[in-house]
Amino acid sequence: QWAQALGPLESPVEHGGTRTQYAHVIATHYRVEYEQLFGELPDLREA
Protein backbone atom coordinates (compact mmCIF):
# COMPACT_ATOMS: atom_id res chain seq x y z
CA GLN A 1 0.00 0.00 0.00
CA TRP A 2 2.83 2.44 0.73
CA ALA A 3 4.49 1.87 -2.63
CA GLN A 4 1.09 2.33 -4.27
CA ALA A 5 0.59 5.65 -2.47
CA LEU A 6 3.88 6.98 -3.86
CA GLY A 7 3.04 6.36 -7.53
CA PRO A 8 0.30 9.00 -7.96
CA LEU A 9 2.29 11.61 -6.03
CA GLU A 10 4.87 11.85 -8.83
CA SER A 11 2.52 11.12 -11.73
CA PRO A 12 2.11 14.20 -13.96
CA VAL A 13 -1.59 13.43 -14.47
CA GLU A 14 -2.40 12.66 -10.83
CA HIS A 15 -0.77 14.75 -8.07
CA GLY A 16 1.97 16.04 -10.36
CA GLY A 17 4.38 17.01 -7.55
CA THR A 18 7.94 16.08 -6.66
CA ARG A 19 9.94 14.62 -3.81
CA THR A 20 11.59 17.82 -2.69
CA GLN A 21 8.23 19.62 -2.78
CA TYR A 22 6.70 16.99 -0.49
CA ALA A 23 9.70 17.04 1.85
CA HIS A 24 9.26 20.81 2.22
CA VAL A 25 5.54 20.35 2.96
CA ILE A 26 6.41 17.90 5.73
CA ALA A 27 9.06 20.21 7.16
CA THR A 28 6.73 23.23 7.13
CA HIS A 29 3.45 21.67 8.23
CA TYR A 30 4.13 18.29 9.87
CA ARG A 31 7.60 18.53 11.39
CA VAL A 32 6.68 17.63 14.98
CA GLU A 33 4.45 14.67 14.04
CA TYR A 34 6.95 13.41 11.48
CA GLU A 35 9.96 13.61 13.79
CA GLN A 36 8.13 11.90 16.65
CA LEU A 37 7.54 8.99 14.32
CA PHE A 38 10.58 8.83 12.03
CA GLY A 39 13.28 10.92 13.71
CA GLU A 40 14.87 14.20 12.72
CA LEU A 41 14.18 15.62 9.28
CA PRO A 42 17.20 16.29 7.05
CA ASP A 43 18.42 19.80 6.35
CA LEU A 44 16.45 20.88 3.29
CA ARG A 45 18.01 24.31 2.75
CA GLU A 46 19.84 23.12 -0.36
CA ALA A 47 16.84 21.20 -1.71
ModelCIF file with pLDDT and N, C-alpha, C, O atoms, coordinates in Angstrom:
data_MODEL
#
_entry.id   MODEL 
#
_entity.id                         1 
_entity.type                       polymer 
_entity.pdbx_number_of_molecules   1 
#
_entity_poly.entity_id                      1 
_entity_poly.type                           'polypeptide(L)' 
_entity_poly.nstd_linkage                   no 
_entity_poly.nstd_monomer                   no 
_entity_poly.pdbx_seq_one_letter_code       QWAQALGPLESPVEHGGTRTQYAHVIATHYRVEYEQLFGELPDLREA 
_entity_poly.pdbx_seq_one_letter_code_can   QWAQALGPLESPVEHGGTRTQYAHVIATHYRVEYEQLFGELPDLREA 
_entity_poly.pdbx_strand_id                 A 
#
loop_
_entity_poly_seq.entity_id 
_entity_poly_seq.num 
_entity_poly_seq.mon_id 
_entity_poly_seq.hetero 
1 1  GLN n 
1 2  TRP n 
1 3  ALA n 
1 4  GLN n 
1 5  ALA n 
1 6  LEU n 
1 7  GLY n 
1 8  PRO n 
1 9  LEU n 
1 10 GLU n 
1 11 SER n 
1 12 PRO n 
1 13 VAL n 
1 14 GLU n 
1 15 HIS n 
1 16 GLY n 
1 17 GLY n 
1 18 THR n 
1 19 ARG n 
1 20 THR n 
1 21 GLN n 
1 22 TYR n 
1 23 ALA n 
1 24 HIS n 
1 25 VAL n 
1 26 ILE n 
1 27 ALA n 
1 28 THR n 
1 29 HIS n 
1 30 TYR n 
1 31 ARG n 
1 32 VAL n 
1 33 GLU n 
1 34 TYR n 
1 35 GLU n 
1 36 GLN n 
1 37 LEU n 
1 38 PHE n 
1 39 GLY n 
1 40 GLU n 
1 41 LEU n 
1 42 PRO n 
1 43 ASP n 
1 44 LEU n 
1 45 ARG n 
1 46 GLU n 
1 47 ALA n 
#
_struct_asym.id          A 
_struct_asym.entity_id   1 
#
loop_
_ma_qa_metric.id 
_ma_qa_metric.mode 
_ma_qa_metric.name 
_ma_qa_metric.software_group_id 
_ma_qa_metric.type 
1 global pLDDT . pLDDT 
2 local  pLDDT . pLDDT 
#
_ma_qa_metric_global.metric_id      1 
_ma_qa_metric_global.metric_value   97.68 
_ma_qa_metric_global.model_id       1 
_ma_qa_metric_global.ordinal_id     1 
#
loop_
_ma_qa_metric_local.label_asym_id 
_ma_qa_metric_local.label_comp_id 
_ma_qa_metric_local.label_seq_id 
_ma_qa_metric_local.metric_id 
_ma_qa_metric_local.metric_value 
_ma_qa_metric_local.model_id 
_ma_qa_metric_local.ordinal_id 
A GLN 1  2 98.00 1 1  
A TRP 2  2 98.00 1 2  
A ALA 3  2 98.00 1 3  
A GLN 4  2 98.00 1 4  
A ALA 5  2 98.00 1 5  
A LEU 6  2 98.00 1 6  
A GLY 7  2 97.00 1 7  
A PRO 8  2 98.00 1 8  
A LEU 9  2 98.00 1 9  
A GLU 10 2 98.00 1 10 
A SER 11 2 97.00 1 11 
A PRO 12 2 97.00 1 12 
A VAL 13 2 97.00 1 13 
A GLU 14 2 98.00 1 14 
A HIS 15 2 98.00 1 15 
A GLY 16 2 97.00 1 16 
A GLY 17 2 98.00 1 17 
A THR 18 2 98.00 1 18 
A ARG 19 2 98.00 1 19 
A THR 20 2 98.00 1 20 
A GLN 21 2 98.00 1 21 
A TYR 22 2 98.00 1 22 
A ALA 23 2 98.00 1 23 
A HIS 24 2 98.00 1 24 
A VAL 25 2 98.00 1 25 
A ILE 26 2 98.00 1 26 
A ALA 27 2 98.00 1 27 
A THR 28 2 98.00 1 28 
A HIS 29 2 98.00 1 29 
A TYR 30 2 98.00 1 30 
A ARG 31 2 98.00 1 31 
A VAL 32 2 98.00 1 32 
A GLU 33 2 98.00 1 33 
A TYR 34 2 98.00 1 34 
A GLU 35 2 98.00 1 35 
A GLN 36 2 98.00 1 36 
A LEU 37 2 98.00 1 37 
A PHE 38 2 98.00 1 38 
A GLY 39 2 98.00 1 39 
A GLU 40 2 98.00 1 40 
A LEU 41 2 98.00 1 41 
A PRO 42 2 98.00 1 42 
A ASP 43 2 97.00 1 43 
A LEU 44 2 97.00 1 44 
A ARG 45 2 95.00 1 45 
A GLU 46 2 94.00 1 46 
A ALA 47 2 97.00 1 47 
#
loop_
_atom_site.group_PDB 
_atom_site.id 
_atom_site.type_symbol 
_atom_site.label_atom_id 
_atom_site.label_alt_id 
_atom_site.label_comp_id 
_atom_site.label_asym_id 
_atom_site.label_entity_id 
_atom_site.label_seq_id 
_atom_site.pdbx_PDB_ins_code 
_atom_site.Cartn_x 
_atom_site.Cartn_y 
_atom_site.Cartn_z 
_atom_site.occupancy 
_atom_site.B_iso_or_equiv 
_atom_site.pdbx_formal_charge 
_atom_site.auth_seq_id 
_atom_site.auth_comp_id 
_atom_site.auth_asym_id 
_atom_site.auth_atom_id 
_atom_site.pdbx_PDB_model_num 
ATOM 1   N N  . GLN A 1 1  ? 0.815  -1.202 0.000   1.00 98.00 ? 1  GLN A N  1 
ATOM 2   C CA . GLN A 1 1  ? 0.000  0.000  0.000   1.00 98.00 ? 1  GLN A CA 1 
ATOM 3   C C  . GLN A 1 1  ? 0.856  1.262  0.000   1.00 98.00 ? 1  GLN A C  1 
ATOM 4   O O  . GLN A 1 1  ? 0.489  2.260  -0.621  1.00 98.00 ? 1  GLN A O  1 
ATOM 5   N N  . TRP A 1 2  ? 2.002  1.226  0.696   1.00 98.00 ? 2  TRP A N  1 
ATOM 6   C CA . TRP A 1 2  ? 2.829  2.438  0.731   1.00 98.00 ? 2  TRP A CA 1 
ATOM 7   C C  . TRP A 1 2  ? 3.487  2.707  -0.610  1.00 98.00 ? 2  TRP A C  1 
ATOM 8   O O  . TRP A 1 2  ? 3.603  3.863  -1.018  1.00 98.00 ? 2  TRP A O  1 
ATOM 9   N N  . ALA A 1 3  ? 3.918  1.671  -1.298  1.00 98.00 ? 3  ALA A N  1 
ATOM 10  C CA . ALA A 1 3  ? 4.488  1.873  -2.630  1.00 98.00 ? 3  ALA A CA 1 
ATOM 11  C C  . ALA A 1 3  ? 3.423  2.370  -3.596  1.00 98.00 ? 3  ALA A C  1 
ATOM 12  O O  . ALA A 1 3  ? 3.700  3.194  -4.468  1.00 98.00 ? 3  ALA A O  1 
ATOM 13  N N  . GLN A 1 4  ? 2.198  1.862  -3.434  1.00 98.00 ? 4  GLN A N  1 
ATOM 14  C CA . GLN A 1 4  ? 1.089  2.335  -4.275  1.00 98.00 ? 4  GLN A CA 1 
ATOM 15  C C  . GLN A 1 4  ? 0.834  3.820  -4.040  1.00 98.00 ? 4  GLN A C  1 
ATOM 16  O O  . GLN A 1 4  ? 0.595  4.567  -4.989  1.00 98.00 ? 4  GLN A O  1 
ATOM 17  N N  . ALA A 1 5  ? 0.882  4.248  -2.786  1.00 98.00 ? 5  ALA A N  1 
ATOM 18  C CA . ALA A 1 5  ? 0.595  5.647  -2.466  1.00 98.00 ? 5  ALA A CA 1 
ATOM 19  C C  . ALA A 1 5  ? 1.609  6.587  -3.104  1.00 98.00 ? 5  ALA A C  1 
ATOM 20  O O  . ALA A 1 5  ? 1.280  7.734  -3.407  1.00 98.00 ? 5  ALA A O  1 
ATOM 21  N N  . LEU A 1 6  ? 2.834  6.123  -3.311  1.00 98.00 ? 6  LEU A N  1 
ATOM 22  C CA . LEU A 1 6  ? 3.877  6.977  -3.863  1.00 98.00 ? 6  LEU A CA 1 
ATOM 23  C C  . LEU A 1 6  ? 3.706  7.213  -5.364  1.00 98.00 ? 6  LEU A C  1 
ATOM 24  O O  . LEU A 1 6  ? 4.067  8.278  -5.865  1.00 98.00 ? 6  LEU A O  1 
ATOM 25  N N  . GLY A 1 7  ? 3.163  6.239  -6.080  1.00 97.00 ? 7  GLY A N  1 
ATOM 26  C CA . GLY A 1 7  ? 3.044  6.358  -7.530  1.00 97.00 ? 7  GLY A CA 1 
ATOM 27  C C  . GLY A 1 7  ? 2.290  7.602  -7.989  1.00 97.00 ? 7  GLY A C  1 
ATOM 28  O O  . GLY A 1 7  ? 2.831  8.378  -8.778  1.00 97.00 ? 7  GLY A O  1 
ATOM 29  N N  . PRO A 1 8  ? 1.059  7.820  -7.524  1.00 98.00 ? 8  PRO A N  1 
ATOM 30  C CA . PRO A 1 8  ? 0.302  8.998  -7.961  1.00 98.00 ? 8  PRO A CA 1 
ATOM 31  C C  . PRO A 1 8  ? 0.951  10.317 -7.575  1.00 98.00 ? 8  PRO A C  1 
ATOM 32  O O  . PRO A 1 8  ? 0.763  11.314 -8.273  1.00 98.00 ? 8  PRO A O  1 
ATOM 33  N N  . LEU A 1 9  ? 1.713  10.352 -6.482  1.00 98.00 ? 9  LEU A N  1 
ATOM 34  C CA . LEU A 1 9  ? 2.290  11.612 -6.031  1.00 98.00 ? 9  LEU A CA 1 
ATOM 35  C C  . LEU A 1 9  ? 3.238  12.218 -7.064  1.00 98.00 ? 9  LEU A C  1 
ATOM 36  O O  . LEU A 1 9  ? 3.336  13.439 -7.184  1.00 98.00 ? 9  LEU A O  1 
ATOM 37  N N  . GLU A 1 10 ? 3.935  11.357 -7.808  1.00 98.00 ? 10 GLU A N  1 
ATOM 38  C CA . GLU A 1 10 ? 4.868  11.851 -8.834  1.00 98.00 ? 10 GLU A CA 1 
ATOM 39  C C  . GLU A 1 10 ? 4.303  11.770 -10.248 1.00 98.00 ? 10 GLU A C  1 
ATOM 40  O O  . GLU A 1 10 ? 4.954  12.204 -11.199 1.00 98.00 ? 10 GLU A O  1 
ATOM 41  N N  . SER A 1 11 ? 3.114  11.225 -10.395 1.00 97.00 ? 11 SER A N  1 
ATOM 42  C CA . SER A 1 11 ? 2.520  11.121 -11.731 1.00 97.00 ? 11 SER A CA 1 
ATOM 43  C C  . SER A 1 11 ? 2.092  12.499 -12.227 1.00 97.00 ? 11 SER A C  1 
ATOM 44  O O  . SER A 1 11 ? 1.418  13.226 -11.497 1.00 97.00 ? 11 SER A O  1 
ATOM 45  N N  . PRO A 1 12 ? 2.467  12.876 -13.451 1.00 97.00 ? 12 PRO A N  1 
ATOM 46  C CA . PRO A 1 12 ? 2.109  14.204 -13.962 1.00 97.00 ? 12 PRO A CA 1 
ATOM 47  C C  . PRO A 1 12 ? 0.614  14.395 -14.174 1.00 97.00 ? 12 PRO A C  1 
ATOM 48  O O  . PRO A 1 12 ? 0.143  15.530 -14.248 1.00 97.00 ? 12 PRO A O  1 
ATOM 49  N N  . VAL A 1 13 ? -0.145 13.291 -14.273 1.00 97.00 ? 13 VAL A N  1 
ATOM 50  C CA . VAL A 1 13 ? -1.588 13.427 -14.475 1.00 97.00 ? 13 VAL A CA 1 
ATOM 51  C C  . VAL A 1 13 ? -2.387 13.134 -13.210 1.00 97.00 ? 13 VAL A C  1 
ATOM 52  O O  . VAL A 1 13 ? -3.618 13.138 -13.237 1.00 97.00 ? 13 VAL A O  1 
ATOM 53  N N  . GLU A 1 14 ? -1.691 12.878 -12.097 1.00 98.00 ? 14 GLU A N  1 
ATOM 54  C CA . GLU A 1 14 ? -2.401 12.656 -10.834 1.00 98.00 ? 14 GLU A CA 1 
ATOM 55  C C  . GLU A 1 14 ? -2.063 13.802 -9.869  1.00 98.00 ? 14 GLU A C  1 
ATOM 56  O O  . GLU A 1 14 ? -2.681 14.862 -9.965  1.00 98.00 ? 14 GLU A O  1 
ATOM 57  N N  . HIS A 1 15 ? -1.128 13.636 -8.964  1.00 98.00 ? 15 HIS A N  1 
ATOM 58  C CA . HIS A 1 15 ? -0.767 14.746 -8.071  1.00 98.00 ? 15 HIS A CA 1 
ATOM 59  C C  . HIS A 1 15 ? 0.199  15.728 -8.748  1.00 98.00 ? 15 HIS A C  1 
ATOM 60  O O  . HIS A 1 15 ? 0.124  16.937 -8.528  1.00 98.00 ? 15 HIS A O  1 
ATOM 61  N N  . GLY A 1 16 ? 1.097  15.196 -9.567  1.00 97.00 ? 16 GLY A N  1 
ATOM 62  C CA . GLY A 1 16 ? 1.970  16.043 -10.360 1.00 97.00 ? 16 GLY A CA 1 
ATOM 63  C C  . GLY A 1 16 ? 3.090  16.731 -9.613  1.00 97.00 ? 16 GLY A C  1 
ATOM 64  O O  . GLY A 1 16 ? 3.741  17.613 -10.173 1.00 97.00 ? 16 GLY A O  1 
ATOM 65  N N  . GLY A 1 17 ? 3.343  16.357 -8.353  1.00 98.00 ? 17 GLY A N  1 
ATOM 66  C CA . GLY A 1 17 ? 4.379  17.014 -7.553  1.00 98.00 ? 17 GLY A CA 1 
ATOM 67  C C  . GLY A 1 17 ? 5.697  16.268 -7.588  1.00 98.00 ? 17 GLY A C  1 
ATOM 68  O O  . GLY A 1 17 ? 5.897  15.363 -8.399  1.00 98.00 ? 17 GLY A O  1 
ATOM 69  N N  . THR A 1 18 ? 6.596  16.664 -6.694  1.00 98.00 ? 18 THR A N  1 
ATOM 70  C CA . THR A 1 18 ? 7.938  16.082 -6.665  1.00 98.00 ? 18 THR A CA 1 
ATOM 71  C C  . THR A 1 18 ? 8.379  15.798 -5.236  1.00 98.00 ? 18 THR A C  1 
ATOM 72  O O  . THR A 1 18 ? 7.759  16.254 -4.276  1.00 98.00 ? 18 THR A O  1 
ATOM 73  N N  . ARG A 1 19 ? 9.445  15.048 -5.117  1.00 98.00 ? 19 ARG A N  1 
ATOM 74  C CA . ARG A 1 19 ? 9.940  14.619 -3.810  1.00 98.00 ? 19 ARG A CA 1 
ATOM 75  C C  . ARG A 1 19 ? 10.396 15.785 -2.937  1.00 98.00 ? 19 ARG A C  1 
ATOM 76  O O  . ARG A 1 19 ? 10.074 15.838 -1.750  1.00 98.00 ? 19 ARG A O  1 
ATOM 77  N N  . THR A 1 20 ? 11.138 16.712 -3.520  1.00 98.00 ? 20 THR A N  1 
ATOM 78  C CA . THR A 1 20 ? 11.586 17.825 -2.686  1.00 98.00 ? 20 THR A CA 1 
ATOM 79  C C  . THR A 1 20 ? 10.398 18.686 -2.258  1.00 98.00 ? 20 THR A C  1 
ATOM 80  O O  . THR A 1 20 ? 10.367 19.190 -1.136  1.00 98.00 ? 20 THR A O  1 
ATOM 81  N N  . GLN A 1 21 ? 9.426  18.855 -3.147  1.00 98.00 ? 21 GLN A N  1 
ATOM 82  C CA . GLN A 1 21 ? 8.231  19.618 -2.783  1.00 98.00 ? 21 GLN A CA 1 
ATOM 83  C C  . GLN A 1 21 ? 7.558  18.996 -1.574  1.00 98.00 ? 21 GLN A C  1 
ATOM 84  O O  . GLN A 1 21 ? 7.196  19.704 -0.634  1.00 98.00 ? 21 GLN A O  1 
ATOM 85  N N  . TYR A 1 22 ? 7.383  17.673 -1.587  1.00 98.00 ? 22 TYR A N  1 
ATOM 86  C CA . TYR A 1 22 ? 6.700  16.994 -0.489  1.00 98.00 ? 22 TYR A CA 1 
ATOM 87  C C  . TYR A 1 22 ? 7.523  17.040 0.795   1.00 98.00 ? 22 TYR A C  1 
ATOM 88  O O  . TYR A 1 22 ? 6.969  17.164 1.887   1.00 98.00 ? 22 TYR A O  1 
ATOM 89  N N  . ALA A 1 23 ? 8.839  16.942 0.663   1.00 98.00 ? 23 ALA A N  1 
ATOM 90  C CA . ALA A 1 23 ? 9.700  17.043 1.850   1.00 98.00 ? 23 ALA A CA 1 
ATOM 91  C C  . ALA A 1 23 ? 9.548  18.420 2.501   1.00 98.00 ? 23 ALA A C  1 
ATOM 92  O O  . ALA A 1 23 ? 9.522  18.532 3.726   1.00 98.00 ? 23 ALA A O  1 
ATOM 93  N N  . HIS A 1 24 ? 9.450  19.465 1.676   1.00 98.00 ? 24 HIS A N  1 
ATOM 94  C CA . HIS A 1 24 ? 9.256  20.811 2.217   1.00 98.00 ? 24 HIS A CA 1 
ATOM 95  C C  . HIS A 1 24 ? 7.884  20.952 2.888   1.00 98.00 ? 24 HIS A C  1 
ATOM 96  O O  . HIS A 1 24 ? 7.764  21.632 3.907   1.00 98.00 ? 24 HIS A O  1 
ATOM 97  N N  . VAL A 1 25 ? 6.862  20.322 2.331   1.00 98.00 ? 25 VAL A N  1 
ATOM 98  C CA . VAL A 1 25 ? 5.539  20.347 2.960   1.00 98.00 ? 25 VAL A CA 1 
ATOM 99  C C  . VAL A 1 25 ? 5.596  19.708 4.345   1.00 98.00 ? 25 VAL A C  1 
ATOM 100 O O  . VAL A 1 25 ? 5.038  20.232 5.309   1.00 98.00 ? 25 VAL A O  1 
ATOM 101 N N  . ILE A 1 26 ? 6.274  18.576 4.426   1.00 98.00 ? 26 ILE A N  1 
ATOM 102 C CA . ILE A 1 26 ? 6.414  17.903 5.726   1.00 98.00 ? 26 ILE A CA 1 
ATOM 103 C C  . ILE A 1 26 ? 7.164  18.795 6.709   1.00 98.00 ? 26 ILE A C  1 
ATOM 104 O O  . ILE A 1 26 ? 6.748  18.943 7.858   1.00 98.00 ? 26 ILE A O  1 
ATOM 105 N N  . ALA A 1 27 ? 8.252  19.381 6.267   1.00 98.00 ? 27 ALA A N  1 
ATOM 106 C CA . ALA A 1 27 ? 9.063  20.211 7.156   1.00 98.00 ? 27 ALA A CA 1 
ATOM 107 C C  . ALA A 1 27 ? 8.294  21.438 7.636   1.00 98.00 ? 27 ALA A C  1 
ATOM 108 O O  . ALA A 1 27 ? 8.468  21.870 8.775   1.00 98.00 ? 27 ALA A O  1 
ATOM 109 N N  . THR A 1 28 ? 7.457  21.996 6.787   1.00 98.00 ? 28 THR A N  1 
ATOM 110 C CA . THR A 1 28 ? 6.732  23.226 7.128   1.00 98.00 ? 28 THR A CA 1 
ATOM 111 C C  . THR A 1 28 ? 5.481  22.957 7.955   1.00 98.00 ? 28 THR A C  1 
ATOM 112 O O  . THR A 1 28 ? 5.162  23.725 8.862   1.00 98.00 ? 28 THR A O  1 
ATOM 113 N N  . HIS A 1 29 ? 4.769  21.871 7.648   1.00 98.00 ? 29 HIS A N  1 
ATOM 114 C CA . HIS A 1 29 ? 3.447  21.673 8.234   1.00 98.00 ? 29 HIS A CA 1 
ATOM 115 C C  . HIS A 1 29 ? 3.329  20.460 9.170   1.00 98.00 ? 29 HIS A C  1 
ATOM 116 O O  . HIS A 1 29 ? 2.381  20.377 9.952   1.00 98.00 ? 29 HIS A O  1 
ATOM 117 N N  . TYR A 1 30 ? 4.277  19.526 9.096   1.00 98.00 ? 30 TYR A N  1 
ATOM 118 C CA . TYR A 1 30 ? 4.130  18.294 9.871   1.00 98.00 ? 30 TYR A CA 1 
ATOM 119 C C  . TYR A 1 30 ? 5.406  17.914 10.620  1.00 98.00 ? 30 TYR A C  1 
ATOM 120 O O  . TYR A 1 30 ? 5.573  16.754 10.993  1.00 98.00 ? 30 TYR A O  1 
ATOM 121 N N  . ARG A 1 31 ? 6.287  18.849 10.840  1.00 98.00 ? 31 ARG A N  1 
ATOM 122 C CA . ARG A 1 31 ? 7.598  18.529 11.392  1.00 98.00 ? 31 ARG A CA 1 
ATOM 123 C C  . ARG A 1 31 ? 7.510  17.759 12.718  1.00 98.00 ? 31 ARG A C  1 
ATOM 124 O O  . ARG A 1 31 ? 8.151  16.719 12.873  1.00 98.00 ? 31 ARG A O  1 
ATOM 125 N N  . VAL A 1 32 ? 6.729  18.258 13.660  1.00 98.00 ? 32 VAL A N  1 
ATOM 126 C CA . VAL A 1 32 ? 6.676  17.630 14.983  1.00 98.00 ? 32 VAL A CA 1 
ATOM 127 C C  . VAL A 1 32 ? 6.151  16.206 14.879  1.00 98.00 ? 32 VAL A C  1 
ATOM 128 O O  . VAL A 1 32 ? 6.747  15.284 15.436  1.00 98.00 ? 32 VAL A O  1 
ATOM 129 N N  . GLU A 1 33 ? 5.031  16.015 14.167  1.00 98.00 ? 33 GLU A N  1 
ATOM 130 C CA . GLU A 1 33 ? 4.455  14.669 14.039  1.00 98.00 ? 33 GLU A CA 1 
ATOM 131 C C  . GLU A 1 33 ? 5.401  13.729 13.310  1.00 98.00 ? 33 GLU A C  1 
ATOM 132 O O  . GLU A 1 33 ? 5.560  12.571 13.695  1.00 98.00 ? 33 GLU A O  1 
ATOM 133 N N  . TYR A 1 34 ? 6.023  14.234 12.259  1.00 98.00 ? 34 TYR A N  1 
ATOM 134 C CA . TYR A 1 34 ? 6.950  13.408 11.484  1.00 98.00 ? 34 TYR A CA 1 
ATOM 135 C C  . TYR A 1 34 ? 8.138  12.977 12.345  1.00 98.00 ? 34 TYR A C  1 
ATOM 136 O O  . TYR A 1 34 ? 8.495  11.799 12.369  1.00 98.00 ? 34 TYR A O  1 
ATOM 137 N N  . GLU A 1 35 ? 8.745  13.927 13.048  1.00 98.00 ? 35 GLU A N  1 
ATOM 138 C CA . GLU A 1 35 ? 9.964  13.614 13.794  1.00 98.00 ? 35 GLU A CA 1 
ATOM 139 C C  . GLU A 1 35 ? 9.681  12.722 14.996  1.00 98.00 ? 35 GLU A C  1 
ATOM 140 O O  . GLU A 1 35 ? 10.546 11.948 15.406  1.00 98.00 ? 35 GLU A O  1 
ATOM 141 N N  . GLN A 1 36 ? 8.490  12.818 15.562  1.00 98.00 ? 36 GLN A N  1 
ATOM 142 C CA . GLN A 1 36 ? 8.128  11.902 16.648  1.00 98.00 ? 36 GLN A CA 1 
ATOM 143 C C  . GLN A 1 36 ? 8.050  10.463 16.148  1.00 98.00 ? 36 GLN A C  1 
ATOM 144 O O  . GLN A 1 36 ? 8.273  9.519  16.907  1.00 98.00 ? 36 GLN A O  1 
ATOM 145 N N  . LEU A 1 37 ? 7.739  10.311 14.896  1.00 98.00 ? 37 LEU A N  1 
ATOM 146 C CA . LEU A 1 37 ? 7.542  8.985  14.316  1.00 98.00 ? 37 LEU A CA 1 
ATOM 147 C C  . LEU A 1 37 ? 8.797  8.439  13.640  1.00 98.00 ? 37 LEU A C  1 
ATOM 148 O O  . LEU A 1 37 ? 9.139  7.268  13.803  1.00 98.00 ? 37 LEU A O  1 
ATOM 149 N N  . PHE A 1 38 ? 9.481  9.300  12.877  1.00 98.00 ? 38 PHE A N  1 
ATOM 150 C CA . PHE A 1 38 ? 10.579 8.832  12.031  1.00 98.00 ? 38 PHE A CA 1 
ATOM 151 C C  . PHE A 1 38 ? 11.951 9.389  12.411  1.00 98.00 ? 38 PHE A C  1 
ATOM 152 O O  . PHE A 1 38 ? 12.959 8.981  11.832  1.00 98.00 ? 38 PHE A O  1 
ATOM 153 N N  . GLY A 1 39 ? 12.007 10.304 13.364  1.00 98.00 ? 39 GLY A N  1 
ATOM 154 C CA . GLY A 1 39 ? 13.281 10.916 13.707  1.00 98.00 ? 39 GLY A CA 1 
ATOM 155 C C  . GLY A 1 39 ? 13.476 12.243 12.986  1.00 98.00 ? 39 GLY A C  1 
ATOM 156 O O  . GLY A 1 39 ? 12.595 12.703 12.260  1.00 98.00 ? 39 GLY A O  1 
ATOM 157 N N  . GLU A 1 40 ? 14.615 12.838 13.189  1.00 98.00 ? 40 GLU A N  1 
ATOM 158 C CA . GLU A 1 40 ? 14.875 14.195 12.719  1.00 98.00 ? 40 GLU A CA 1 
ATOM 159 C C  . GLU A 1 40 ? 14.842 14.297 11.191  1.00 98.00 ? 40 GLU A C  1 
ATOM 160 O O  . GLU A 1 40 ? 15.390 13.454 10.481  1.00 98.00 ? 40 GLU A O  1 
ATOM 161 N N  . LEU A 1 41 ? 14.190 15.342 10.716  1.00 98.00 ? 41 LEU A N  1 
ATOM 162 C CA . LEU A 1 41 ? 14.175 15.619 9.282   1.00 98.00 ? 41 LEU A CA 1 
ATOM 163 C C  . LEU A 1 41 ? 15.553 16.067 8.820   1.00 98.00 ? 41 LEU A C  1 
ATOM 164 O O  . LEU A 1 41 ? 16.297 16.651 9.607   1.00 98.00 ? 41 LEU A O  1 
ATOM 165 N N  . PRO A 1 42 ? 15.914 15.809 7.564   1.00 98.00 ? 42 PRO A N  1 
ATOM 166 C CA . PRO A 1 42 ? 17.199 16.290 7.052   1.00 98.00 ? 42 PRO A CA 1 
ATOM 167 C C  . PRO A 1 42 ? 17.156 17.802 6.828   1.00 98.00 ? 42 PRO A C  1 
ATOM 168 O O  . PRO A 1 42 ? 16.086 18.408 6.788   1.00 98.00 ? 42 PRO A O  1 
ATOM 169 N N  . ASP A 1 43 ? 18.313 18.381 6.686   1.00 97.00 ? 43 ASP A N  1 
ATOM 170 C CA . ASP A 1 43 ? 18.420 19.797 6.349   1.00 97.00 ? 43 ASP A CA 1 
ATOM 171 C C  . ASP A 1 43 ? 18.025 19.975 4.881   1.00 97.00 ? 43 ASP A C  1 
ATOM 172 O O  . ASP A 1 43 ? 18.667 19.427 3.985   1.00 97.00 ? 43 ASP A O  1 
ATOM 173 N N  . LEU A 1 44 ? 16.978 20.736 4.652   1.00 97.00 ? 44 LEU A N  1 
ATOM 174 C CA . LEU A 1 44 ? 16.446 20.879 3.293   1.00 97.00 ? 44 LEU A CA 1 
ATOM 175 C C  . LEU A 1 44 ? 16.786 22.230 2.664   1.00 97.00 ? 44 LEU A C  1 
ATOM 176 O O  . LEU A 1 44 ? 16.215 22.591 1.635   1.00 97.00 ? 44 LEU A O  1 
ATOM 177 N N  . ARG A 1 45 ? 17.709 22.980 3.269   1.00 95.00 ? 45 ARG A N  1 
ATOM 178 C CA . ARG A 1 45 ? 18.007 24.313 2.753   1.00 95.00 ? 45 ARG A CA 1 
ATOM 179 C C  . ARG A 1 45 ? 18.581 24.281 1.341   1.00 95.00 ? 45 ARG A C  1 
ATOM 180 O O  . ARG A 1 45 ? 18.389 25.226 0.576   1.00 95.00 ? 45 ARG A O  1 
ATOM 181 N N  . GLU A 1 46 ? 19.279 23.213 0.989   1.00 94.00 ? 46 GLU A N  1 
ATOM 182 C CA . GLU A 1 46 ? 19.845 23.117 -0.361  1.00 94.00 ? 46 GLU A CA 1 
ATOM 183 C C  . GLU A 1 46 ? 18.897 22.429 -1.334  1.00 94.00 ? 46 GLU A C  1 
ATOM 184 O O  . GLU A 1 46 ? 19.179 22.370 -2.531  1.00 94.00 ? 46 GLU A O  1 
ATOM 185 N N  . ALA A 1 47 ? 17.791 21.914 -0.843  1.00 97.00 ? 47 ALA A N  1 
ATOM 186 C CA . ALA A 1 47 ? 16.839 21.204 -1.710  1.00 97.00 ? 47 ALA A CA 1 
ATOM 187 C C  . ALA A 1 47 ? 15.958 22.204 -2.444  1.00 97.00 ? 47 ALA A C  1 
ATOM 188 O O  . ALA A 1 47 ? 15.091 21.807 -3.223  1.00 97.00 ? 47 ALA A O  1 
#
